[in-house]
Amino acid sequence: MYAEPTVEVPKLQLPADLVAEVSRRGTARPDFRVEGWKPTLFERLARLLGLV
């Protein structure tokens, strides 16, 4: 019988302060809103529809 090859997976060692920062920021929801674009987008749509 052939011996099964074993592969050791190296473990990633991260600094404790980095891990703490990621876990702290991971609970917040990301904010992808762009408030400045909203009026422009609605204005362009209204112009396309002939409402303005």
Protein backbone atom coordinates (compact mmCIF):
# COMPACT_ATOMS: atom_id res chain seq x y z
CA MET A 1 0.00 0.00 0.00
CA TYR A 2 1.05 3.53 -0.63
CA ALA A 3 1.54 5.98 2.19
CA GLU A 4 -0.88 8.90 2.15
CA PRO A 5 0.89 12.22 1.70
CA THR A 6 0.37 14.66 4.54
CA VAL A 7 0.42 18.38 4.04
CA GLU A 8 0.77 20.67 7.01
CA VAL A 9 -1.17 23.89 6.62
CA PRO A 10 0.74 26.84 8.08
CA LYS A 11 -1.21 28.91 10.58
CA LEU A 12 -1.44 32.62 10.05
CA GLN A 13 -0.07 34.61 12.98
CA LEU A 14 -1.72 38.02 13.22
CA PRO A 15 -0.89 40.70 15.78
CA ALA A 16 -3.38 40.83 18.66
CA ASP A 17 -4.18 44.52 18.10
CA LEU A 18 -5.10 43.84 14.47
CA VAL A 19 -7.40 40.97 15.43
CA ALA A 20 -9.05 43.14 18.09
CA GLU A 21 -9.60 45.98 15.60
CA VAL A 22 -11.16 43.69 13.00
CA SER A 23 -13.49 42.11 15.54
CA ARG A 24 -14.47 45.56 16.85
CA ARG A 25 -15.20 46.97 13.39
CA GLY A 26 -16.86 43.78 12.14
CA THR A 27 -20.02 44.44 14.13
CA ALA A 28 -20.84 47.74 12.39
CA ARG A 29 -22.87 47.81 9.19
CA PRO A 30 -20.99 49.23 6.22
CA ASP A 31 -22.33 52.56 4.99
CA PHE A 32 -22.39 52.58 1.19
CA ARG A 33 -24.83 55.47 0.79
CA VAL A 34 -23.78 58.46 -1.25
CA GLU A 35 -26.10 61.26 -0.26
CA GLY A 36 -24.76 63.73 -2.82
CA TRP A 37 -25.78 61.63 -5.81
CA LYS A 38 -29.43 61.16 -4.91
CA PRO A 39 -30.83 64.52 -6.06
CA THR A 40 -28.82 64.40 -9.28
CA LEU A 41 -30.02 60.89 -10.09
CA PHE A 42 -33.67 61.78 -9.48
CA GLU A 43 -33.30 64.98 -11.48
CA ARG A 44 -31.86 63.09 -14.45
CA LEU A 45 -34.64 60.50 -14.30
CA ALA A 46 -37.26 63.24 -14.14
CA ARG A 47 -35.69 64.94 -17.19
CA LEU A 48 -35.72 61.66 -19.10
CA LEU A 49 -39.38 61.21 -18.30
CA GLY A 50 -40.17 64.83 -19.19
CA LEU A 51 -41.33 65.75 -15.70
CA VAL A 52 -38.96 68.72 -15.31
